[in-house]
Amino acid sequence: MLQALYQQQMTQQAATDIAAQFLADNDFSGADKDYFLEALKAVVASHAQLDARYEPYLSQRSVAELGVVERAALRLGAWELLERLDIPYRVVINEAVALAKKFGAAESHKFVNAVLDKLAQEVRQAEISAGR
């Protein structure tokens, strides 16, 4: 998923074209193809709104200053926090951090963690409070 979002940012291709390419070039037998398609389409379509939701937590940085990998991880994480309430907020954050560790710049995972944690405090307050 992160690779598809990265590619979309770099090439500005339509989500449908990227989805078709990824489905043709990759084995989805161990993956949730429906989730991939839903997430790719939604994140690409609503990237400006997603950026606006996490931008207040960027610590005096702008979305444009972010690395492409970090921006993709934050967009995906923000979308999951906002739209996929079936995914626990801790899972969302942990997955975004793992992606940033693997593909992002050194120490970017700490930044992704901090931003998504602050967004989760805003949008998943009931879930967070219930877990305490």
N, C-alpha and C. Protein backbone atom coordinates (compact mmCIF):
# COMPACT_ATOMS: atom_id res chain seq x y z
N MET A 1 0.82 -1.18 0.00
CA MET A 1 0.00 0.00 0.00
C MET A 1 0.87 1.25 0.00
N LEU A 2 1.86 1.29 0.87
CA LEU A 2 2.74 2.45 0.93
C LEU A 2 3.43 2.68 -0.41
N GLN A 3 3.85 1.62 -1.06
CA GLN A 3 4.51 1.75 -2.35
C GLN A 3 3.57 2.33 -3.40
N ALA A 4 2.32 1.94 -3.36
CA ALA A 4 1.34 2.47 -4.31
C ALA A 4 1.09 3.96 -4.06
N LEU A 5 1.00 4.34 -2.78
CA LEU A 5 0.80 5.75 -2.46
C LEU A 5 2.04 6.57 -2.81
N TYR A 6 3.20 6.00 -2.61
CA TYR A 6 4.45 6.65 -3.01
C TYR A 6 4.45 6.87 -4.52
N GLN A 7 4.14 5.83 -5.26
CA GLN A 7 4.13 5.93 -6.72
C GLN A 7 3.14 6.99 -7.18
N GLN A 8 1.98 7.06 -6.56
CA GLN A 8 0.98 8.04 -6.97
C GLN A 8 1.49 9.46 -6.76
N GLN A 9 2.17 9.69 -5.66
CA GLN A 9 2.72 11.03 -5.40
C GLN A 9 3.80 11.39 -6.42
N MET A 10 4.61 10.42 -6.78
CA MET A 10 5.73 10.69 -7.68
C MET A 10 5.28 10.85 -9.14
N THR A 11 4.25 10.10 -9.54
CA THR A 11 3.86 10.08 -10.95
C THR A 11 2.55 10.82 -11.23
N GLN A 12 1.77 11.07 -10.19
CA GLN A 12 0.45 11.69 -10.34
C GLN A 12 -0.50 10.83 -11.17
N GLN A 13 -0.23 9.53 -11.25
CA GLN A 13 -1.12 8.62 -11.97
C GLN A 13 -2.44 8.50 -11.21
N ALA A 14 -3.47 8.14 -11.93
CA ALA A 14 -4.77 7.89 -11.31
C ALA A 14 -4.68 6.64 -10.44
N ALA A 15 -5.45 6.64 -9.37
CA ALA A 15 -5.47 5.49 -8.46
C ALA A 15 -5.86 4.22 -9.19
N THR A 16 -6.77 4.32 -10.14
CA THR A 16 -7.20 3.13 -10.87
C THR A 16 -6.06 2.54 -11.71
N ASP A 17 -5.22 3.39 -12.28
CA ASP A 17 -4.08 2.91 -13.06
C ASP A 17 -3.04 2.24 -12.16
N ILE A 18 -2.79 2.83 -11.02
CA ILE A 18 -1.83 2.24 -10.08
C ILE A 18 -2.37 0.92 -9.55
N ALA A 19 -3.65 0.89 -9.23
CA ALA A 19 -4.26 -0.35 -8.73
C ALA A 19 -4.14 -1.46 -9.77
N ALA A 20 -4.43 -1.15 -11.01
CA ALA A 20 -4.34 -2.16 -12.07
C ALA A 20 -2.92 -2.69 -12.20
N GLN A 21 -1.95 -1.78 -12.13
CA GLN A 21 -0.55 -2.19 -12.23
C GLN A 21 -0.16 -3.07 -11.05
N PHE A 22 -0.52 -2.68 -9.84
CA PHE A 22 -0.14 -3.45 -8.66
C PHE A 22 -0.82 -4.82 -8.65
N LEU A 23 -2.07 -4.88 -9.08
CA LEU A 23 -2.77 -6.16 -9.13
C LEU A 23 -2.15 -7.09 -10.17
N ALA A 24 -1.67 -6.52 -11.27
CA ALA A 24 -1.04 -7.33 -12.31
C ALA A 24 0.36 -7.79 -11.93
N ASP A 25 1.08 -6.93 -11.20
CA ASP A 25 2.50 -7.20 -10.94
C ASP A 25 2.79 -7.88 -9.60
N ASN A 26 1.81 -8.00 -8.73
CA ASN A 26 2.06 -8.51 -7.38
C ASN A 26 1.11 -9.65 -7.04
N ASP A 27 1.58 -10.52 -6.18
CA ASP A 27 0.78 -11.64 -5.69
C ASP A 27 -0.04 -11.16 -4.49
N PHE A 28 -1.34 -11.12 -4.63
CA PHE A 28 -2.21 -10.68 -3.55
C PHE A 28 -2.86 -11.86 -2.82
N SER A 29 -2.33 -13.05 -3.00
CA SER A 29 -2.95 -14.21 -2.37
C SER A 29 -2.90 -14.14 -0.85
N GLY A 30 -1.89 -13.48 -0.30
CA GLY A 30 -1.79 -13.35 1.15
C GLY A 30 -2.19 -11.98 1.65
N ALA A 31 -2.83 -11.21 0.80
CA ALA A 31 -3.18 -9.83 1.16
C ALA A 31 -4.68 -9.60 0.95
N ASP A 32 -5.18 -8.57 1.55
CA ASP A 32 -6.58 -8.19 1.42
C ASP A 32 -6.71 -7.23 0.24
N LYS A 33 -7.01 -7.78 -0.92
CA LYS A 33 -7.09 -7.00 -2.15
C LYS A 33 -8.18 -5.92 -2.05
N ASP A 34 -9.31 -6.26 -1.46
CA ASP A 34 -10.40 -5.28 -1.34
C ASP A 34 -9.98 -4.09 -0.48
N TYR A 35 -9.27 -4.37 0.61
CA TYR A 35 -8.77 -3.28 1.46
C TYR A 35 -7.78 -2.42 0.69
N PHE A 36 -6.86 -3.05 -0.02
CA PHE A 36 -5.89 -2.32 -0.82
C PHE A 36 -6.58 -1.36 -1.78
N LEU A 37 -7.57 -1.86 -2.51
CA LEU A 37 -8.28 -1.03 -3.48
C LEU A 37 -9.05 0.10 -2.81
N GLU A 38 -9.72 -0.22 -1.71
CA GLU A 38 -10.48 0.80 -0.97
C GLU A 38 -9.55 1.90 -0.44
N ALA A 39 -8.48 1.49 0.20
CA ALA A 39 -7.55 2.45 0.81
C ALA A 39 -6.87 3.31 -0.26
N LEU A 40 -6.39 2.70 -1.31
CA LEU A 40 -5.71 3.45 -2.36
C LEU A 40 -6.64 4.50 -2.96
N LYS A 41 -7.83 4.08 -3.32
CA LYS A 41 -8.80 5.02 -3.93
C LYS A 41 -9.14 6.14 -2.96
N ALA A 42 -9.42 5.80 -1.71
CA ALA A 42 -9.84 6.81 -0.73
C ALA A 42 -8.73 7.77 -0.36
N VAL A 43 -7.53 7.26 -0.14
CA VAL A 43 -6.42 8.12 0.25
C VAL A 43 -6.05 9.07 -0.89
N VAL A 44 -6.01 8.57 -2.10
CA VAL A 44 -5.68 9.43 -3.24
C VAL A 44 -6.77 10.49 -3.43
N ALA A 45 -8.03 10.09 -3.34
CA ALA A 45 -9.14 11.02 -3.56
C ALA A 45 -9.23 12.10 -2.49
N SER A 46 -8.84 11.76 -1.27
CA SER A 46 -9.03 12.69 -0.15
C SER A 46 -7.71 13.17 0.45
N HIS A 47 -6.62 13.11 -0.30
CA HIS A 47 -5.32 13.44 0.27
C HIS A 47 -5.27 14.86 0.84
N ALA A 48 -5.91 15.81 0.21
CA ALA A 48 -5.87 17.20 0.73
C ALA A 48 -6.58 17.30 2.08
N GLN A 49 -7.71 16.63 2.21
CA GLN A 49 -8.43 16.64 3.49
C GLN A 49 -7.65 15.89 4.56
N LEU A 50 -7.00 14.81 4.19
CA LEU A 50 -6.19 14.06 5.16
C LEU A 50 -5.00 14.89 5.62
N ASP A 51 -4.35 15.54 4.66
CA ASP A 51 -3.22 16.40 5.01
C ASP A 51 -3.66 17.49 5.99
N ALA A 52 -4.82 18.06 5.75
CA ALA A 52 -5.33 19.13 6.62
C ALA A 52 -5.60 18.63 8.03
N ARG A 53 -5.96 17.36 8.18
CA ARG A 53 -6.26 16.81 9.51
C ARG A 53 -5.00 16.60 10.34
N TYR A 54 -3.90 16.18 9.73
CA TYR A 54 -2.69 15.95 10.52
C TYR A 54 -1.72 17.12 10.49
N GLU A 55 -1.89 18.06 9.58
CA GLU A 55 -0.95 19.17 9.47
C GLU A 55 -0.79 19.97 10.76
N PRO A 56 -1.83 20.18 11.58
CA PRO A 56 -1.62 20.94 12.82
C PRO A 56 -0.60 20.29 13.78
N TYR A 57 -0.30 19.03 13.57
CA TYR A 57 0.60 18.31 14.47
C TYR A 57 2.01 18.13 13.89
N LEU A 58 2.35 18.86 12.86
CA LEU A 58 3.64 18.70 12.20
C LEU A 58 4.77 19.50 12.84
N SER A 59 4.53 20.20 13.91
CA SER A 59 5.58 20.93 14.62
C SER A 59 6.29 21.94 13.72
N GLN A 60 5.56 22.90 13.27
CA GLN A 60 6.10 24.01 12.47
C GLN A 60 6.66 23.57 11.13
N ARG A 61 6.19 22.47 10.61
CA ARG A 61 6.54 22.04 9.26
C ARG A 61 5.27 22.07 8.42
N SER A 62 5.45 22.11 7.13
CA SER A 62 4.29 22.02 6.24
C SER A 62 4.26 20.64 5.61
N VAL A 63 3.13 20.27 5.09
CA VAL A 63 3.00 18.99 4.40
C VAL A 63 3.98 18.92 3.24
N ALA A 64 4.17 20.03 2.55
CA ALA A 64 5.08 20.06 1.39
C ALA A 64 6.53 19.76 1.78
N GLU A 65 6.90 20.02 3.02
CA GLU A 65 8.27 19.78 3.48
C GLU A 65 8.52 18.31 3.85
N LEU A 66 7.49 17.52 3.95
CA LEU A 66 7.64 16.12 4.34
C LEU A 66 8.24 15.31 3.20
N GLY A 67 8.94 14.25 3.58
CA GLY A 67 9.40 13.29 2.58
C GLY A 67 8.21 12.54 2.01
N VAL A 68 8.36 12.02 0.82
CA VAL A 68 7.26 11.34 0.15
C VAL A 68 6.80 10.12 0.95
N VAL A 69 7.74 9.36 1.51
CA VAL A 69 7.38 8.18 2.29
C VAL A 69 6.63 8.58 3.55
N GLU A 70 7.12 9.59 4.24
CA GLU A 70 6.46 10.03 5.47
C GLU A 70 5.05 10.55 5.18
N ARG A 71 4.91 11.29 4.09
CA ARG A 71 3.60 11.81 3.72
C ARG A 71 2.65 10.67 3.39
N ALA A 72 3.13 9.66 2.69
CA ALA A 72 2.28 8.51 2.36
C ALA A 72 1.86 7.76 3.63
N ALA A 73 2.80 7.56 4.55
CA ALA A 73 2.49 6.87 5.81
C ALA A 73 1.48 7.67 6.64
N LEU A 74 1.66 8.98 6.68
CA LEU A 74 0.74 9.83 7.44
C LEU A 74 -0.64 9.87 6.80
N ARG A 75 -0.70 9.92 5.50
CA ARG A 75 -2.01 9.92 4.82
C ARG A 75 -2.75 8.62 5.07
N LEU A 76 -2.05 7.52 4.93
CA LEU A 76 -2.69 6.22 5.17
C LEU A 76 -3.12 6.11 6.62
N GLY A 77 -2.24 6.47 7.55
CA GLY A 77 -2.59 6.41 8.96
C GLY A 77 -3.75 7.31 9.32
N ALA A 78 -3.76 8.52 8.77
CA ALA A 78 -4.85 9.45 9.04
C ALA A 78 -6.17 8.90 8.51
N TRP A 79 -6.14 8.36 7.30
CA TRP A 79 -7.35 7.78 6.73
C TRP A 79 -7.89 6.63 7.60
N GLU A 80 -6.99 5.76 8.03
CA GLU A 80 -7.43 4.65 8.87
C GLU A 80 -7.98 5.15 10.20
N LEU A 81 -7.34 6.14 10.80
CA LEU A 81 -7.85 6.68 12.07
C LEU A 81 -9.23 7.31 11.90
N LEU A 82 -9.43 7.98 10.78
CA LEU A 82 -10.68 8.70 10.56
C LEU A 82 -11.80 7.81 10.02
N GLU A 83 -11.46 6.88 9.15
CA GLU A 83 -12.50 6.14 8.42
C GLU A 83 -12.61 4.66 8.76
N ARG A 84 -11.59 4.07 9.31
CA ARG A 84 -11.62 2.63 9.58
C ARG A 84 -11.60 2.39 11.08
N LEU A 85 -12.74 2.67 11.69
CA LEU A 85 -12.85 2.52 13.14
C LEU A 85 -12.76 1.06 13.57
N ASP A 86 -12.86 0.14 12.62
CA ASP A 86 -12.71 -1.28 12.93
C ASP A 86 -11.25 -1.65 13.20
N ILE A 87 -10.33 -0.78 12.84
CA ILE A 87 -8.90 -1.01 13.08
C ILE A 87 -8.52 -0.23 14.34
N PRO A 88 -8.09 -0.91 15.39
CA PRO A 88 -7.71 -0.20 16.62
C PRO A 88 -6.64 0.86 16.35
N TYR A 89 -6.76 1.98 17.04
CA TYR A 89 -5.83 3.09 16.80
C TYR A 89 -4.38 2.68 17.02
N ARG A 90 -4.13 1.81 17.99
CA ARG A 90 -2.74 1.38 18.24
C ARG A 90 -2.18 0.59 17.06
N VAL A 91 -3.03 -0.20 16.43
CA VAL A 91 -2.61 -0.96 15.25
C VAL A 91 -2.29 0.00 14.11
N VAL A 92 -3.14 1.00 13.91
CA VAL A 92 -2.91 1.99 12.86
C VAL A 92 -1.54 2.65 13.06
N ILE A 93 -1.30 3.12 14.25
CA ILE A 93 -0.05 3.82 14.54
C ILE A 93 1.14 2.88 14.41
N ASN A 94 1.04 1.68 14.96
CA ASN A 94 2.15 0.72 14.88
C ASN A 94 2.50 0.37 13.44
N GLU A 95 1.49 0.20 12.60
CA GLU A 95 1.75 -0.13 11.20
C GLU A 95 2.41 1.04 10.47
N ALA A 96 1.93 2.24 10.72
CA ALA A 96 2.54 3.42 10.08
C ALA A 96 3.98 3.60 10.53
N VAL A 97 4.24 3.37 11.79
CA VAL A 97 5.61 3.47 12.32
C VAL A 97 6.50 2.41 11.69
N ALA A 98 6.00 1.19 11.58
CA ALA A 98 6.78 0.11 10.96
C ALA A 98 7.11 0.44 9.51
N LEU A 99 6.17 1.01 8.77
CA LEU A 99 6.42 1.39 7.38
C LEU A 99 7.46 2.50 7.31
N ALA A 100 7.35 3.48 8.19
CA ALA A 100 8.32 4.58 8.20
C ALA A 100 9.71 4.07 8.57
N LYS A 101 9.80 3.12 9.49
CA LYS A 101 11.10 2.54 9.85
C LYS A 101 11.73 1.83 8.67
N LYS A 102 10.90 1.08 7.95
CA LYS A 102 11.42 0.26 6.86
C LYS A 102 11.76 1.09 5.62
N PHE A 103 10.92 2.05 5.28
CA PHE A 103 11.07 2.75 4.01
C PHE A 103 11.44 4.23 4.13
N GLY A 104 11.26 4.81 5.29
CA GLY A 104 11.45 6.25 5.44
C GLY A 104 12.88 6.63 5.81
N ALA A 105 13.06 7.91 5.97
CA ALA A 105 14.35 8.44 6.39
C ALA A 105 14.64 8.01 7.83
N ALA A 106 15.91 8.07 8.20
CA ALA A 106 16.31 7.71 9.57
C ALA A 106 15.52 8.54 10.56
N GLU A 107 15.02 7.91 11.56
CA GLU A 107 14.28 8.55 12.65
C GLU A 107 12.91 9.10 12.24
N SER A 108 12.51 8.92 10.99
CA SER A 108 11.20 9.43 10.58
C SER A 108 10.05 8.70 11.28
N HIS A 109 10.31 7.48 11.70
CA HIS A 109 9.27 6.72 12.38
C HIS A 109 8.84 7.41 13.68
N LYS A 110 9.77 8.09 14.34
CA LYS A 110 9.43 8.81 15.57
C LYS A 110 8.49 9.97 15.27
N PHE A 111 8.76 10.65 14.17
CA PHE A 111 7.93 11.77 13.74
C PHE A 111 6.52 11.27 13.37
N VAL A 112 6.44 10.20 12.58
CA VAL A 112 5.16 9.62 12.19
C VAL A 112 4.38 9.20 13.42
N ASN A 113 5.05 8.58 14.36
CA ASN A 113 4.41 8.15 15.60
C ASN A 113 3.82 9.34 16.34
N ALA A 114 4.59 10.40 16.51
CA ALA A 114 4.13 11.57 17.26
C ALA A 114 2.93 12.23 16.59
N VAL A 115 2.98 12.39 15.28
CA VAL A 115 1.89 13.05 14.56
C VAL A 115 0.61 12.22 14.64
N LEU A 116 0.70 10.93 14.37
CA LEU A 116 -0.50 10.09 14.40
C LEU A 116 -1.04 9.92 15.81
N ASP A 117 -0.15 9.90 16.79
CA ASP A 117 -0.62 9.82 18.17
C ASP A 117 -1.45 11.05 18.54
N LYS A 118 -1.01 12.21 18.12
CA LYS A 118 -1.77 13.44 18.40
C LYS A 118 -3.10 13.44 17.65
N LEU A 119 -3.09 12.97 16.42
CA LEU A 119 -4.35 12.89 15.67
C LEU A 119 -5.29 11.89 16.32
N ALA A 120 -4.76 10.76 16.78
CA ALA A 120 -5.59 9.77 17.45
C ALA A 120 -6.22 10.35 18.71
N GLN A 121 -5.47 11.15 19.45
CA GLN A 121 -6.01 11.78 20.65
C GLN A 121 -7.23 12.64 20.31
N GLU A 122 -7.22 13.22 19.13
CA GLU A 122 -8.33 14.06 18.68
C GLU A 122 -9.52 13.22 18.19
N VAL A 123 -9.25 12.25 17.33
CA VAL A 123 -10.34 11.58 16.62
C VAL A 123 -10.75 10.23 17.22
N ARG A 124 -9.96 9.68 18.11
CA ARG A 124 -10.29 8.39 18.72
C ARG A 124 -10.33 8.49 20.24
N GLN A 125 -10.76 9.62 20.75
CA GLN A 125 -10.75 9.86 22.18
C GLN A 125 -11.55 8.82 22.96
N ALA A 126 -12.71 8.44 22.45
CA ALA A 126 -13.53 7.45 23.15
C ALA A 126 -12.81 6.11 23.24
N GLU A 127 -12.20 5.69 22.16
CA GLU A 127 -11.47 4.43 22.14
C GLU A 127 -10.28 4.48 23.10
N ILE A 128 -9.55 5.58 23.08
CA ILE A 128 -8.39 5.73 23.95
C ILE A 128 -8.82 5.72 25.42
N SER A 129 -9.88 6.46 25.74
CA SER A 129 -10.37 6.52 27.12
C SER A 129 -10.86 5.16 27.60
N ALA A 130 -11.50 4.42 26.73
CA ALA A 130 -12.01 3.09 27.09
C ALA A 130 -10.89 2.13 27.41
N GLY A 131 -9.72 2.33 26.79
CA GLY A 131 -8.59 1.45 27.01
C GLY A 131 -7.82 1.72 28.27
N ARG A 132 -8.11 2.85 28.92
CA ARG A 132 -7.36 3.22 30.12
C ARG A 132 -7.88 2.52 31.34
